[in-house]
Each structure stands twice: as structure tokens, then as C-alpha cells.
Protein backbone atom coordinates (compact mmCIF):
# COMPACT_ATOMS: atom_id res chain seq x y z
CA UNK A 1 21.27 -15.99 0.42
CA UNK A 2 17.57 -15.72 -0.48
CA UNK A 3 16.78 -13.51 -3.48
CA UNK A 4 14.58 -10.45 -2.69
CA UNK A 5 11.64 -11.61 -4.81
CA UNK A 6 11.77 -15.08 -3.17
CA UNK A 7 11.85 -13.43 0.25
CA UNK A 8 8.75 -11.36 -0.60
CA UNK A 9 7.01 -14.38 -2.08
CA UNK A 10 7.73 -16.33 1.13
CA UNK A 11 6.51 -13.39 3.22
CA UNK A 12 3.28 -13.24 1.21
CA UNK A 13 2.82 -17.02 1.44
CA UNK A 14 3.10 -17.01 5.23
CA UNK A 15 1.29 -13.77 6.11
CA UNK A 16 -2.29 -13.60 7.26
CA UNK A 17 -4.67 -11.52 5.09
CA UNK A 18 -4.60 -8.52 7.44
CA UNK A 19 -0.79 -8.55 7.51
CA UNK A 20 -0.80 -8.48 3.69
CA UNK A 21 -2.87 -5.28 3.77
CA UNK A 22 -0.43 -3.79 6.30
CA UNK A 23 2.51 -4.71 4.06
CA UNK A 24 0.81 -2.97 1.13
CA UNK A 25 0.30 0.16 3.25
CA UNK A 26 3.98 0.04 4.25
CA UNK A 27 5.10 -0.09 0.63
CA UNK A 28 2.75 2.72 -0.45
CA UNK A 29 3.87 4.93 2.45
CA UNK A 30 7.56 4.30 1.75
CA UNK A 31 7.08 4.99 -1.97
CA UNK A 32 5.32 8.27 -1.22
CA UNK A 33 8.01 9.32 1.25
CA UNK A 34 10.63 8.71 -1.45
CA UNK A 35 8.63 10.84 -3.88
CA UNK A 36 8.33 13.71 -1.36
CA UNK A 37 12.06 13.61 -0.70
CA UNK A 38 12.73 14.11 -4.41
CA UNK A 39 9.99 16.75 -4.78
CA UNK A 40 11.56 18.83 -2.05
CA UNK A 41 14.95 18.96 -3.78
CA UNK A 42 15.71 22.26 -5.50
CA UNK A 43 17.16 20.63 -8.61
CA UNK A 44 16.48 16.90 -8.83
CA UNK A 45 18.39 14.98 -11.48
CA UNK A 46 16.53 13.36 -14.39
CA UNK A 47 17.10 9.98 -12.70
CA UNK A 48 15.56 11.26 -9.48
CA UNK A 49 12.58 12.66 -11.37
CA UNK A 50 12.09 9.26 -12.99
CA UNK A 51 12.30 7.58 -9.54
CA UNK A 52 9.72 10.06 -8.22
CA UNK A 53 7.24 9.17 -10.96
CA UNK A 54 7.88 5.46 -10.43
CA UNK A 55 7.31 5.88 -6.69
CA UNK A 56 4.06 7.78 -7.27
CA UNK A 57 2.99 5.12 -9.78
CA UNK A 58 3.82 2.32 -7.33
CA UNK A 59 1.72 3.99 -4.63
CA UNK A 60 -1.15 4.40 -7.11
CA UNK A 61 -0.89 0.73 -8.10
CA UNK A 62 -1.04 -0.29 -4.44
CA UNK A 63 -4.07 1.91 -3.77
CA UNK A 64 -5.77 0.34 -6.80
CA UNK A 65 -4.98 -3.16 -5.47
CA UNK A 66 -6.30 -2.26 -2.02
CA UNK A 67 -9.46 -0.81 -3.57
CA UNK A 68 -9.88 -3.79 -5.89
CA UNK A 69 -9.75 -6.29 -3.05
CA UNK A 70 -12.56 -4.70 -1.04
CA UNK A 71 -15.47 -7.05 -0.42
CA UNK A 72 -18.57 -4.86 -0.29
CA UNK A 73 -20.81 -7.80 0.62
CA UNK A 74 -18.82 -8.79 3.72
CA UNK A 75 -17.30 -5.38 4.46
CA UNK A 76 -20.49 -3.38 4.22
CA UNK A 77 -20.20 0.26 5.24
CA UNK A 78 -16.50 0.00 6.11
CA UNK A 79 -15.70 -1.30 2.63
CA UNK A 80 -17.71 1.54 1.07
CA UNK A 81 -15.89 4.12 3.20
CA UNK A 82 -12.49 2.63 2.33
CA UNK A 83 -13.47 2.69 -1.36
CA UNK A 84 -14.26 6.41 -1.11
CA UNK A 85 -10.98 7.07 0.69
CA UNK A 86 -8.93 5.10 -1.85
CA UNK A 87 -10.74 6.79 -4.74
CA UNK A 88 -10.04 10.24 -3.27
CA UNK A 89 -6.37 9.40 -2.66
CA UNK A 90 -5.99 8.09 -6.21
CA UNK A 91 -7.49 11.32 -7.57
CA UNK A 92 -5.09 13.32 -5.39
CA UNK A 93 -2.17 11.27 -6.71
CA UNK A 94 -3.19 11.98 -10.30
CA UNK A 95 -3.14 15.71 -9.54
CA UNK A 96 0.28 15.38 -7.88
CA UNK A 97 1.70 13.76 -11.02
CA UNK A 98 0.61 16.79 -13.05
CA UNK A 99 1.70 19.43 -10.54
CA UNK A 100 4.39 18.67 -7.97
CA UNK A 101 2.72 19.15 -4.61
CA UNK A 102 4.66 17.59 -1.73
CA UNK A 103 2.07 18.86 0.79
CA UNK A 104 -0.66 16.79 -0.84
CA UNK A 105 1.62 13.75 -0.84
CA UNK A 106 2.36 14.31 2.87
CA UNK A 107 -1.39 14.45 3.53
CA UNK A 108 -1.86 11.17 1.62
CA UNK A 109 0.93 9.62 3.71
CA UNK A 110 -0.81 10.71 6.92
CA UNK A 111 -4.11 9.16 5.79
CA UNK A 112 -2.35 5.91 4.90
CA UNK A 113 -0.46 5.86 8.21
CA UNK A 114 -3.76 6.26 10.09
CA UNK A 115 -5.39 3.48 8.06
CA UNK A 116 -2.35 1.26 8.61
CA UNK A 117 -2.57 1.82 12.38
CA UNK A 118 -6.24 0.77 12.31
CA UNK A 119 -5.33 -2.43 10.44
CA UNK A 120 -2.58 -3.18 12.99
CA UNK A 121 -5.14 -2.80 15.80
CA UNK A 122 -7.55 -5.06 13.93
CA UNK A 123 -4.84 -7.68 13.47
CA UNK A 124 -3.99 -7.65 17.20
CA UNK A 125 -7.65 -7.89 18.15
CA UNK A 126 -8.37 -10.74 15.73
CA UNK A 127 -5.29 -12.66 16.91
CA UNK A 128 -6.37 -12.32 20.56
CA UNK A 129 -9.78 -13.72 19.65
CA UNK A 130 -8.19 -16.56 17.68
CA UNK A 131 -9.95 -15.44 14.52
CA UNK A 132 -6.87 -14.81 12.43
CA UNK A 133 -4.83 -17.63 11.05
CA UNK A 134 -1.85 -17.73 8.78
CA UNK A 135 -2.83 -19.44 5.54
CA UNK A 136 -1.25 -22.79 4.79
CA UNK A 137 -0.14 -21.39 1.46
CA UNK A 138 -1.40 -18.65 -0.83
CA UNK A 139 -1.60 -20.04 -4.35
CA UNK A 140 1.73 -19.44 -6.09
CA UNK A 141 0.39 -17.07 -8.74
CA UNK A 142 -1.38 -14.87 -6.20
CA UNK A 143 1.72 -14.81 -3.98
CA UNK A 144 3.90 -13.81 -6.94
CA UNK A 145 1.43 -11.07 -7.87
CA UNK A 146 1.33 -9.65 -4.36
CA UNK A 147 5.10 -9.92 -4.01
CA UNK A 148 5.45 -7.97 -7.28
CA UNK A 149 3.14 -5.27 -5.88
CA UNK A 150 5.28 -5.04 -2.75
């Protein structure tokens, strides 16, 4: 049986760049949903509270990775708009860490779900035009890094 980190590494190695972004959105959304579930409990255990903070931190790390990979030269106005969105979401997440606010987290999830849907549409469109190829192999270190983020 393949170990989970090897599975993710293989997934990262064989995914096209747009699919990698979609996978990052998936992980951020799932992390935030886990955090909301814990926030909405009347008396979460200390372990659950720790999991909530880890989930919020994971989502913040992913948003930082997404923001850090923006190419303003090639992406132009879209990259600038995404940067502003990611920056705003990161600021919202910082506030959520200080004061439990599941409604803000739900709003962040909705924004990420909408962005994810746009990336899925872009992937379909690029595939139809033959402009999206699966890389032969992402360099091992980069694949391990992305797999760790996922």
C-alpha cells in the first residue's frame, strides 16, 4: 500500500499547474470546514481546540503559498486582484484566530469555493484548447514541498 505522503508526492508530480492550484484550494476549504465544525461546538475539548488552530494555520499557509506563487508579470490585473483577495482572506483569518467567528470562516470558505470553481473552468478550457499539459516531472524538492502543503 502506498504511504499517504508518497501518494501526495505522486499526485503533485503528475498534476498540471492548474490542478495543483485546485488541490490547494481543496485542502484550504477542507481545513476551514473542520475549523468551523469545532467552533460551532458548545464545549470543544482541548484536543479539538488544538485541531481548530492547526486547521486555521494550514489554511493560512495555503493562502500564503497561493499568494506567493502569483506571477504579476504574466498574470497582470488578475494576479493583482487575486493578491488583494488572498491578502484580505489572510487578514480575516488572523482576526478569526483571535476571536472565534465561524461566520467569517464560512464567508472565507465561500470565496475559496468560488475561486476554485473559476480555476476548474479555466482548467477545462485550457485542456480543450490543448494548452495544458501534465508536466513530465516536478522537481522532487518542489513536489515534496507542495505535498507537505497539501
